[in-house]
Amino acid sequence: AARLSEYKLGLKGKIEKANAELAEV
C-alpha cells in the first residue's frame, strides 16, 4: 500500500512538472 501511494504521488509530480513546462510555452 505504501509503494502504491508513492507511485500515485509520482503521477501527480509528473503532471505538476508538465504544467510548469507548459507555463513557459
mmCIF file of all heavy atoms, coordinates in Angstrom:
data_MODEL
# 
_entry.id   MODEL 
# 
loop_
_atom_site.group_PDB 
_atom_site.id 
_atom_site.type_symbol 
_atom_site.label_atom_id 
_atom_site.label_alt_id 
_atom_site.label_comp_id 
_atom_site.label_asym_id 
_atom_site.label_entity_id 
_atom_site.label_seq_id 
_atom_site.pdbx_PDB_ins_code 
_atom_site.Cartn_x 
_atom_site.Cartn_y 
_atom_site.Cartn_z 
_atom_site.occupancy 
_atom_site.B_iso_or_equiv 
_atom_site.pdbx_formal_charge 
_atom_site.auth_seq_id 
_atom_site.auth_comp_id 
_atom_site.auth_asym_id 
_atom_site.auth_atom_id 
_atom_site.pdbx_PDB_model_num 
ATOM 1   N N   . ALA A 1 1  ? 0.837  -1.203 0.000   1.00 0.00 ? 1  ALA A N   1 
ATOM 2   C CA  . ALA A 1 1  ? 0.000  0.000  0.000   1.00 0.00 ? 1  ALA A CA  1 
ATOM 3   C C   . ALA A 1 1  ? 0.875  1.258  0.000   1.00 0.00 ? 1  ALA A C   1 
ATOM 4   O O   . ALA A 1 1  ? 0.577  2.228  -0.711  1.00 0.00 ? 1  ALA A O   1 
ATOM 5   C CB  . ALA A 1 1  ? -0.944 -0.002 1.200   1.00 0.00 ? 1  ALA A CB  1 
ATOM 6   N N   . ALA A 1 2  ? 1.948  1.241  0.748   1.00 0.00 ? 2  ALA A N   1 
ATOM 7   C CA  . ALA A 1 2  ? 2.864  2.388  0.789   1.00 0.00 ? 2  ALA A CA  1 
ATOM 8   C C   . ALA A 1 2  ? 3.551  2.581  -0.560  1.00 0.00 ? 2  ALA A C   1 
ATOM 9   O O   . ALA A 1 2  ? 3.698  3.716  -1.033  1.00 0.00 ? 2  ALA A O   1 
ATOM 10  C CB  . ALA A 1 2  ? 3.886  2.197  1.899   1.00 0.00 ? 2  ALA A CB  1 
ATOM 11  N N   . ARG A 1 3  ? 3.973  1.490  -1.193  1.00 0.00 ? 3  ARG A N   1 
ATOM 12  C CA  . ARG A 1 3  ? 4.615  1.599  -2.507  1.00 0.00 ? 3  ARG A CA  1 
ATOM 13  C C   . ARG A 1 3  ? 3.634  2.139  -3.549  1.00 0.00 ? 3  ARG A C   1 
ATOM 14  O O   . ARG A 1 3  ? 4.012  2.964  -4.391  1.00 0.00 ? 3  ARG A O   1 
ATOM 15  C CB  . ARG A 1 3  ? 5.190  0.249  -2.939  1.00 0.00 ? 3  ARG A CB  1 
ATOM 16  C CG  . ARG A 1 3  ? 6.384  -0.191 -2.108  1.00 0.00 ? 3  ARG A CG  1 
ATOM 17  C CD  . ARG A 1 3  ? 7.116  -1.385 -2.673  1.00 0.00 ? 3  ARG A CD  1 
ATOM 18  N NE  . ARG A 1 3  ? 6.341  -2.614 -2.783  1.00 0.00 ? 3  ARG A NE  1 
ATOM 19  C CZ  . ARG A 1 3  ? 6.120  -3.478 -1.787  1.00 0.00 ? 3  ARG A CZ  1 
ATOM 20  N NH1 . ARG A 1 3  ? 6.597  -3.238 -0.577  1.00 0.00 ? 3  ARG A NH1 1 
ATOM 21  N NH2 . ARG A 1 3  ? 5.425  -4.586 -2.012  1.00 0.00 ? 3  ARG A NH2 1 
ATOM 22  N N   . LEU A 1 4  ? 2.388  1.709  -3.477  1.00 0.00 ? 4  LEU A N   1 
ATOM 23  C CA  . LEU A 1 4  ? 1.371  2.235  -4.396  1.00 0.00 ? 4  LEU A CA  1 
ATOM 24  C C   . LEU A 1 4  ? 1.127  3.723  -4.163  1.00 0.00 ? 4  LEU A C   1 
ATOM 25  O O   . LEU A 1 4  ? 0.957  4.491  -5.119  1.00 0.00 ? 4  LEU A O   1 
ATOM 26  C CB  . LEU A 1 4  ? 0.059  1.472  -4.233  1.00 0.00 ? 4  LEU A CB  1 
ATOM 27  C CG  . LEU A 1 4  ? -0.072 0.175  -5.012  1.00 0.00 ? 4  LEU A CG  1 
ATOM 28  C CD1 . LEU A 1 4  ? -1.296 -0.597 -4.547  1.00 0.00 ? 4  LEU A CD1 1 
ATOM 29  C CD2 . LEU A 1 4  ? -0.130 0.433  -6.498  1.00 0.00 ? 4  LEU A CD2 1 
ATOM 30  N N   . SER A 1 5  ? 1.117  4.123  -2.917  1.00 0.00 ? 5  SER A N   1 
ATOM 31  C CA  . SER A 1 5  ? 0.930  5.538  -2.594  1.00 0.00 ? 5  SER A CA  1 
ATOM 32  C C   . SER A 1 5  ? 2.065  6.373  -3.191  1.00 0.00 ? 5  SER A C   1 
ATOM 33  O O   . SER A 1 5  ? 1.822  7.441  -3.767  1.00 0.00 ? 5  SER A O   1 
ATOM 34  C CB  . SER A 1 5  ? 0.860  5.713  -1.076  1.00 0.00 ? 5  SER A CB  1 
ATOM 35  O OG  . SER A 1 5  ? 0.650  7.057  -0.748  1.00 0.00 ? 5  SER A OG  1 
ATOM 36  N N   . GLU A 1 6  ? 3.285  5.887  -3.085  1.00 0.00 ? 6  GLU A N   1 
ATOM 37  C CA  . GLU A 1 6  ? 4.436  6.591  -3.681  1.00 0.00 ? 6  GLU A CA  1 
ATOM 38  C C   . GLU A 1 6  ? 4.297  6.669  -5.197  1.00 0.00 ? 6  GLU A C   1 
ATOM 39  O O   . GLU A 1 6  ? 4.600  7.694  -5.799  1.00 0.00 ? 6  GLU A O   1 
ATOM 40  C CB  . GLU A 1 6  ? 5.746  5.887  -3.310  1.00 0.00 ? 6  GLU A CB  1 
ATOM 41  C CG  . GLU A 1 6  ? 6.180  6.116  -1.877  1.00 0.00 ? 6  GLU A CG  1 
ATOM 42  C CD  . GLU A 1 6  ? 6.497  7.587  -1.604  1.00 0.00 ? 6  GLU A CD  1 
ATOM 43  O OE1 . GLU A 1 6  ? 7.193  8.226  -2.416  1.00 0.00 ? 6  GLU A OE1 1 
ATOM 44  O OE2 . GLU A 1 6  ? 6.030  8.095  -0.567  1.00 0.00 ? 6  GLU A OE2 1 
ATOM 45  N N   . TYR A 1 7  ? 3.845  5.582  -5.796  1.00 0.00 ? 7  TYR A N   1 
ATOM 46  C CA  . TYR A 1 7  ? 3.643  5.570  -7.239  1.00 0.00 ? 7  TYR A CA  1 
ATOM 47  C C   . TYR A 1 7  ? 2.630  6.642  -7.647  1.00 0.00 ? 7  TYR A C   1 
ATOM 48  O O   . TYR A 1 7  ? 2.856  7.404  -8.586  1.00 0.00 ? 7  TYR A O   1 
ATOM 49  C CB  . TYR A 1 7  ? 3.167  4.181  -7.698  1.00 0.00 ? 7  TYR A CB  1 
ATOM 50  C CG  . TYR A 1 7  ? 2.712  4.155  -9.130  1.00 0.00 ? 7  TYR A CG  1 
ATOM 51  C CD1 . TYR A 1 7  ? 3.632  4.148  -10.174 1.00 0.00 ? 7  TYR A CD1 1 
ATOM 52  C CD2 . TYR A 1 7  ? 1.356  4.161  -9.450  1.00 0.00 ? 7  TYR A CD2 1 
ATOM 53  C CE1 . TYR A 1 7  ? 3.218  4.143  -11.500 1.00 0.00 ? 7  TYR A CE1 1 
ATOM 54  C CE2 . TYR A 1 7  ? 0.933  4.162  -10.772 1.00 0.00 ? 7  TYR A CE2 1 
ATOM 55  C CZ  . TYR A 1 7  ? 1.870  4.148  -11.787 1.00 0.00 ? 7  TYR A CZ  1 
ATOM 56  O OH  . TYR A 1 7  ? 1.448  4.151  -13.094 1.00 0.00 ? 7  TYR A OH  1 
ATOM 57  N N   . LYS A 1 8  ? 1.514  6.713  -6.919  1.00 0.00 ? 8  LYS A N   1 
ATOM 58  C CA  . LYS A 1 8  ? 0.478  7.696  -7.250  1.00 0.00 ? 8  LYS A CA  1 
ATOM 59  C C   . LYS A 1 8  ? 0.986  9.124  -7.040  1.00 0.00 ? 8  LYS A C   1 
ATOM 60  O O   . LYS A 1 8  ? 0.652  10.023 -7.819  1.00 0.00 ? 8  LYS A O   1 
ATOM 61  C CB  . LYS A 1 8  ? -0.788 7.444  -6.418  1.00 0.00 ? 8  LYS A CB  1 
ATOM 62  C CG  . LYS A 1 8  ? -1.441 6.098  -6.702  1.00 0.00 ? 8  LYS A CG  1 
ATOM 63  C CD  . LYS A 1 8  ? -2.526 6.211  -7.734  1.00 0.00 ? 8  LYS A CD  1 
ATOM 64  C CE  . LYS A 1 8  ? -3.163 4.854  -8.008  1.00 0.00 ? 8  LYS A CE  1 
ATOM 65  N NZ  . LYS A 1 8  ? -4.589 4.871  -8.058  1.00 0.00 ? 8  LYS A NZ  1 
ATOM 66  N N   . LEU A 1 9  ? 1.797  9.336  -6.012  1.00 0.00 ? 9  LEU A N   1 
ATOM 67  C CA  . LEU A 1 9  ? 2.395  10.658 -5.812  1.00 0.00 ? 9  LEU A CA  1 
ATOM 68  C C   . LEU A 1 9  ? 3.311  11.017 -6.979  1.00 0.00 ? 9  LEU A C   1 
ATOM 69  O O   . LEU A 1 9  ? 3.374  12.175 -7.391  1.00 0.00 ? 9  LEU A O   1 
ATOM 70  C CB  . LEU A 1 9  ? 3.167  10.712 -4.494  1.00 0.00 ? 9  LEU A CB  1 
ATOM 71  C CG  . LEU A 1 9  ? 2.329  10.826 -3.231  1.00 0.00 ? 9  LEU A CG  1 
ATOM 72  C CD1 . LEU A 1 9  ? 3.215  10.706 -1.990  1.00 0.00 ? 9  LEU A CD1 1 
ATOM 73  C CD2 . LEU A 1 9  ? 1.543  12.121 -3.207  1.00 0.00 ? 9  LEU A CD2 1 
ATOM 74  N N   . GLY A 1 10 ? 4.008  10.017 -7.507  1.00 0.00 ? 10 GLY A N   1 
ATOM 75  C CA  . GLY A 1 10 ? 4.859  10.235 -8.671  1.00 0.00 ? 10 GLY A CA  1 
ATOM 76  C C   . GLY A 1 10 ? 4.058  10.666 -9.889  1.00 0.00 ? 10 GLY A C   1 
ATOM 77  O O   . GLY A 1 10 ? 4.510  11.507 -10.675 1.00 0.00 ? 10 GLY A O   1 
ATOM 78  N N   . LEU A 1 11 ? 2.867  10.105 -10.049 1.00 0.00 ? 11 LEU A N   1 
ATOM 79  C CA  . LEU A 1 11 ? 1.999  10.520 -11.159 1.00 0.00 ? 11 LEU A CA  1 
ATOM 80  C C   . LEU A 1 11 ? 1.618  11.984 -11.015 1.00 0.00 ? 11 LEU A C   1 
ATOM 81  O O   . LEU A 1 11 ? 1.618  12.743 -11.986 1.00 0.00 ? 11 LEU A O   1 
ATOM 82  C CB  . LEU A 1 11 ? 0.731  9.659  -11.198 1.00 0.00 ? 11 LEU A CB  1 
ATOM 83  C CG  . LEU A 1 11 ? 0.898  8.179  -11.521 1.00 0.00 ? 11 LEU A CG  1 
ATOM 84  C CD1 . LEU A 1 11 ? -0.446 7.468  -11.429 1.00 0.00 ? 11 LEU A CD1 1 
ATOM 85  C CD2 . LEU A 1 11 ? 1.524  7.985  -12.887 1.00 0.00 ? 11 LEU A CD2 1 
ATOM 86  N N   . LYS A 1 12 ? 1.290  12.379 -9.792  1.00 0.00 ? 12 LYS A N   1 
ATOM 87  C CA  . LYS A 1 12 ? 0.938  13.772 -9.525  1.00 0.00 ? 12 LYS A CA  1 
ATOM 88  C C   . LYS A 1 12 ? 2.120  14.682 -9.860  1.00 0.00 ? 12 LYS A C   1 
ATOM 89  O O   . LYS A 1 12 ? 1.950  15.729 -10.498 1.00 0.00 ? 12 LYS A O   1 
ATOM 90  C CB  . LYS A 1 12 ? 0.553  13.931 -8.047  1.00 0.00 ? 12 LYS A CB  1 
ATOM 91  C CG  . LYS A 1 12 ? 0.232  15.340 -7.644  1.00 0.00 ? 12 LYS A CG  1 
ATOM 92  C CD  . LYS A 1 12 ? -0.058 15.422 -6.148  1.00 0.00 ? 12 LYS A CD  1 
ATOM 93  C CE  . LYS A 1 12 ? -0.226 16.852 -5.703  1.00 0.00 ? 12 LYS A CE  1 
ATOM 94  N NZ  . LYS A 1 12 ? -0.347 16.974 -4.259  1.00 0.00 ? 12 LYS A NZ  1 
ATOM 95  N N   . GLY A 1 13 ? 3.308  14.281 -9.469  1.00 0.00 ? 13 GLY A N   1 
ATOM 96  C CA  . GLY A 1 13 ? 4.502  15.073 -9.744  1.00 0.00 ? 13 GLY A CA  1 
ATOM 97  C C   . GLY A 1 13 ? 4.755  15.253 -11.229 1.00 0.00 ? 13 GLY A C   1 
ATOM 98  O O   . GLY A 1 13 ? 5.185  16.330 -11.673 1.00 0.00 ? 13 GLY A O   1 
ATOM 99  N N   . LYS A 1 14 ? 4.479  14.216 -12.020 1.00 0.00 ? 14 LYS A N   1 
ATOM 100 C CA  . LYS A 1 14 ? 4.664  14.315 -13.473 1.00 0.00 ? 14 LYS A CA  1 
ATOM 101 C C   . LYS A 1 14 ? 3.741  15.371 -14.072 1.00 0.00 ? 14 LYS A C   1 
ATOM 102 O O   . LYS A 1 14 ? 4.148  16.145 -14.943 1.00 0.00 ? 14 LYS A O   1 
ATOM 103 C CB  . LYS A 1 14 ? 4.402  12.964 -14.136 1.00 0.00 ? 14 LYS A CB  1 
ATOM 104 C CG  . LYS A 1 14 ? 5.502  11.951 -13.903 1.00 0.00 ? 14 LYS A CG  1 
ATOM 105 C CD  . LYS A 1 14 ? 5.172  10.631 -14.579 1.00 0.00 ? 14 LYS A CD  1 
ATOM 106 C CE  . LYS A 1 14 ? 6.243  9.612  -14.296 1.00 0.00 ? 14 LYS A CE  1 
ATOM 107 N NZ  . LYS A 1 14 ? 5.938  8.303  -14.907 1.00 0.00 ? 14 LYS A NZ  1 
ATOM 108 N N   . ILE A 1 15 ? 2.505  15.422 -13.609 1.00 0.00 ? 15 ILE A N   1 
ATOM 109 C CA  . ILE A 1 15 ? 1.551  16.412 -14.134 1.00 0.00 ? 15 ILE A CA  1 
ATOM 110 C C   . ILE A 1 15 ? 1.935  17.813 -13.682 1.00 0.00 ? 15 ILE A C   1 
ATOM 111 O O   . ILE A 1 15 ? 1.860  18.775 -14.461 1.00 0.00 ? 15 ILE A O   1 
ATOM 112 C CB  . ILE A 1 15 ? 0.114  16.065 -13.710 1.00 0.00 ? 15 ILE A CB  1 
ATOM 113 C CG1 . ILE A 1 15 ? -0.320 14.746 -14.347 1.00 0.00 ? 15 ILE A CG1 1 
ATOM 114 C CG2 . ILE A 1 15 ? -0.864 17.185 -14.061 1.00 0.00 ? 15 ILE A CG2 1 
ATOM 115 C CD1 . ILE A 1 15 ? -0.304 14.747 -15.869 1.00 0.00 ? 15 ILE A CD1 1 
ATOM 116 N N   . GLU A 1 16 ? 2.364  17.952 -12.432 1.00 0.00 ? 16 GLU A N   1 
ATOM 117 C CA  . GLU A 1 16 ? 2.798  19.268 -11.947 1.00 0.00 ? 16 GLU A CA  1 
ATOM 118 C C   . GLU A 1 16 ? 3.984  19.771 -12.757 1.00 0.00 ? 16 GLU A C   1 
ATOM 119 O O   . GLU A 1 16 ? 4.051  20.944 -13.123 1.00 0.00 ? 16 GLU A O   1 
ATOM 120 C CB  . GLU A 1 16 ? 3.130  19.198 -10.460 1.00 0.00 ? 16 GLU A CB  1 
ATOM 121 C CG  . GLU A 1 16 ? 1.885  19.020 -9.593  1.00 0.00 ? 16 GLU A CG  1 
ATOM 122 C CD  . GLU A 1 16 ? 2.198  18.717 -8.137  1.00 0.00 ? 16 GLU A CD  1 
ATOM 123 O OE1 . GLU A 1 16 ? 3.371  18.390 -7.809  1.00 0.00 ? 16 GLU A OE1 1 
ATOM 124 O OE2 . GLU A 1 16 ? 1.252  18.785 -7.324  1.00 0.00 ? 16 GLU A OE2 1 
ATOM 125 N N   . LYS A 1 17 ? 4.939  18.885 -13.065 1.00 0.00 ? 17 LYS A N   1 
ATOM 126 C CA  . LYS A 1 17 ? 6.097  19.255 -13.874 1.00 0.00 ? 17 LYS A CA  1 
ATOM 127 C C   . LYS A 1 17 ? 5.655  19.647 -15.284 1.00 0.00 ? 17 LYS A C   1 
ATOM 128 O O   . LYS A 1 17 ? 6.132  20.639 -15.846 1.00 0.00 ? 17 LYS A O   1 
ATOM 129 C CB  . LYS A 1 17 ? 7.095  18.102 -13.931 1.00 0.00 ? 17 LYS A CB  1 
ATOM 130 C CG  . LYS A 1 17 ? 8.327  18.420 -14.736 1.00 0.00 ? 17 LYS A CG  1 
ATOM 131 C CD  . LYS A 1 17 ? 9.287  17.244 -14.789 1.00 0.00 ? 17 LYS A CD  1 
ATOM 132 C CE  . LYS A 1 17 ? 10.468 17.633 -15.650 1.00 0.00 ? 17 LYS A CE  1 
ATOM 133 N NZ  . LYS A 1 17 ? 11.097 16.520 -16.303 1.00 0.00 ? 17 LYS A NZ  1 
ATOM 134 N N   . ALA A 1 18 ? 4.727  18.879 -15.854 1.00 0.00 ? 18 ALA A N   1 
ATOM 135 C CA  . ALA A 1 18 ? 4.229  19.185 -17.201 1.00 0.00 ? 18 ALA A CA  1 
ATOM 136 C C   . ALA A 1 18 ? 3.567  20.557 -17.238 1.00 0.00 ? 18 ALA A C   1 
ATOM 137 O O   . ALA A 1 18 ? 3.767  21.332 -18.185 1.00 0.00 ? 18 ALA A O   1 
ATOM 138 C CB  . ALA A 1 18 ? 3.252  18.107 -17.661 1.00 0.00 ? 18 ALA A CB  1 
ATOM 139 N N   . ASN A 1 19 ? 2.794  20.895 -16.210 1.00 0.00 ? 19 ASN A N   1 
ATOM 140 C CA  . ASN A 1 19 ? 2.148  22.203 -16.169 1.00 0.00 ? 19 ASN A CA  1 
ATOM 141 C C   . ASN A 1 19 ? 3.159  23.330 -16.029 1.00 0.00 ? 19 ASN A C   1 
ATOM 142 O O   . ASN A 1 19 ? 2.990  24.405 -16.615 1.00 0.00 ? 19 ASN A O   1 
ATOM 143 C CB  . ASN A 1 19 ? 1.093  22.262 -15.059 1.00 0.00 ? 19 ASN A CB  1 
ATOM 144 C CG  . ASN A 1 19 ? -0.248 21.754 -15.536 1.00 0.00 ? 19 ASN A CG  1 
ATOM 145 O OD1 . ASN A 1 19 ? -0.623 21.964 -16.672 1.00 0.00 ? 19 ASN A OD1 1 
ATOM 146 N ND2 . ASN A 1 19 ? -0.952 21.080 -14.666 1.00 0.00 ? 19 ASN A ND2 1 
ATOM 147 N N   . ALA A 1 20 ? 4.206  23.101 -15.261 1.00 0.00 ? 20 ALA A N   1 
ATOM 148 C CA  . ALA A 1 20 ? 5.257  24.119 -15.143 1.00 0.00 ? 20 ALA A CA  1 
ATOM 149 C C   . ALA A 1 20 ? 5.931  24.344 -16.492 1.00 0.00 ? 20 ALA A C   1 
ATOM 150 O O   . ALA A 1 20 ? 6.222  25.489 -16.872 1.00 0.00 ? 20 ALA A O   1 
ATOM 151 C CB  . ALA A 1 20 ? 6.284  23.697 -14.091 1.00 0.00 ? 20 ALA A CB  1 
ATOM 152 N N   . GLU A 1 21 ? 6.166  23.272 -17.236 1.00 0.00 ? 21 GLU A N   1 
ATOM 153 C CA  . GLU A 1 21 ? 6.769  23.398 -18.564 1.00 0.00 ? 21 GLU A CA  1 
ATOM 154 C C   . GLU A 1 21 ? 5.814  24.090 -19.538 1.00 0.00 ? 21 GLU A C   1 
ATOM 155 O O   . GLU A 1 21 ? 6.240  24.914 -20.355 1.00 0.00 ? 21 GLU A O   1 
ATOM 156 C CB  . GLU A 1 21 ? 7.178  22.017 -19.085 1.00 0.00 ? 21 GLU A CB  1 
ATOM 157 C CG  . GLU A 1 21 ? 8.342  21.418 -18.308 1.00 0.00 ? 21 GLU A CG  1 
ATOM 158 C CD  . GLU A 1 21 ? 8.598  19.952 -18.648 1.00 0.00 ? 21 GLU A CD  1 
ATOM 159 O OE1 . GLU A 1 21 ? 7.824  19.354 -19.429 1.00 0.00 ? 21 GLU A OE1 1 
ATOM 160 O OE2 . GLU A 1 21 ? 9.567  19.398 -18.101 1.00 0.00 ? 21 GLU A OE2 1 
ATOM 161 N N   . LEU A 1 22 ? 4.521  23.770 -19.444 1.00 0.00 ? 22 LEU A N   1 
ATOM 162 C CA  . LEU A 1 22 ? 3.542  24.426 -20.312 1.00 0.00 ? 22 LEU A CA  1 
ATOM 163 C C   . LEU A 1 22 ? 3.429  25.917 -20.013 1.00 0.00 ? 22 LEU A C   1 
ATOM 164 O O   . LEU A 1 22 ? 3.144  26.714 -20.914 1.00 0.00 ? 22 LEU A O   1 
ATOM 165 C CB  . LEU A 1 22 ? 2.169  23.766 -20.166 1.00 0.00 ? 22 LEU A CB  1 
ATOM 166 C CG  . LEU A 1 22 ? 2.019  22.391 -20.816 1.00 0.00 ? 22 LEU A CG  1 
ATOM 167 C CD1 . LEU A 1 22 ? 0.693  21.755 -20.414 1.00 0.00 ? 22 LEU A CD1 1 
ATOM 168 C CD2 . LEU A 1 22 ? 2.136  22.499 -22.336 1.00 0.00 ? 22 LEU A CD2 1 
ATOM 169 N N   . ALA A 1 23 ? 3.649  26.297 -18.779 1.00 0.00 ? 23 ALA A N   1 
ATOM 170 C CA  . ALA A 1 23 ? 3.589  27.722 -18.413 1.00 0.00 ? 23 ALA A CA  1 
ATOM 171 C C   . ALA A 1 23 ? 4.673  28.516 -19.139 1.00 0.00 ? 23 ALA A C   1 
ATOM 172 O O   . ALA A 1 23 ? 4.518  29.714 -19.368 1.00 0.00 ? 23 ALA A O   1 
ATOM 173 C CB  . ALA A 1 23 ? 3.733  27.884 -16.895 1.00 0.00 ? 23 ALA A CB  1 
ATOM 174 N N   . GLU A 1 24 ? 5.752  27.846 -19.513 1.00 0.00 ? 24 GLU A N   1 
ATOM 175 C CA  . GLU A 1 24 ? 6.853  28.506 -20.208 1.00 0.00 ? 24 GLU A CA  1 
ATOM 176 C C   . GLU A 1 24 ? 6.626  28.600 -21.716 1.00 0.00 ? 24 GLU A C   1 
ATOM 177 O O   . GLU A 1 24 ? 7.343  29.315 -22.410 1.00 0.00 ? 24 GLU A O   1 
ATOM 178 C CB  . GLU A 1 24 ? 8.168  27.764 -19.926 1.00 0.00 ? 24 GLU A CB  1 
ATOM 179 C CG  . GLU A 1 24 ? 8.554  27.755 -18.454 1.00 0.00 ? 24 GLU A CG  1 
ATOM 180 C CD  . GLU A 1 24 ? 8.717  29.148 -17.887 1.00 0.00 ? 24 GLU A CD  1 
ATOM 181 O OE1 . GLU A 1 24 ? 9.339  30.010 -18.548 1.00 0.00 ? 24 GLU A OE1 1 
ATOM 182 O OE2 . GLU A 1 24 ? 8.189  29.392 -16.780 1.00 0.00 ? 24 GLU A OE2 1 
ATOM 183 N N   . VAL A 1 25 ? 5.654  27.885 -22.237 1.00 0.00 ? 25 VAL A N   1 
ATOM 184 C CA  . VAL A 1 25 ? 5.343  27.941 -23.672 1.00 0.00 ? 25 VAL A CA  1 
ATOM 185 C C   . VAL A 1 25 ? 4.572  29.234 -23.942 1.00 0.00 ? 25 VAL A C   1 
ATOM 186 O O   . VAL A 1 25 ? 3.557  29.503 -23.302 1.00 0.00 ? 25 VAL A O   1 
ATOM 187 C CB  . VAL A 1 25 ? 4.508  26.703 -24.102 1.00 0.00 ? 25 VAL A CB  1 
ATOM 188 C CG1 . VAL A 1 25 ? 4.106  26.820 -25.564 1.00 0.00 ? 25 VAL A CG1 1 
ATOM 189 C CG2 . VAL A 1 25 ? 5.287  25.417 -23.855 1.00 0.00 ? 25 VAL A CG2 1 
# 
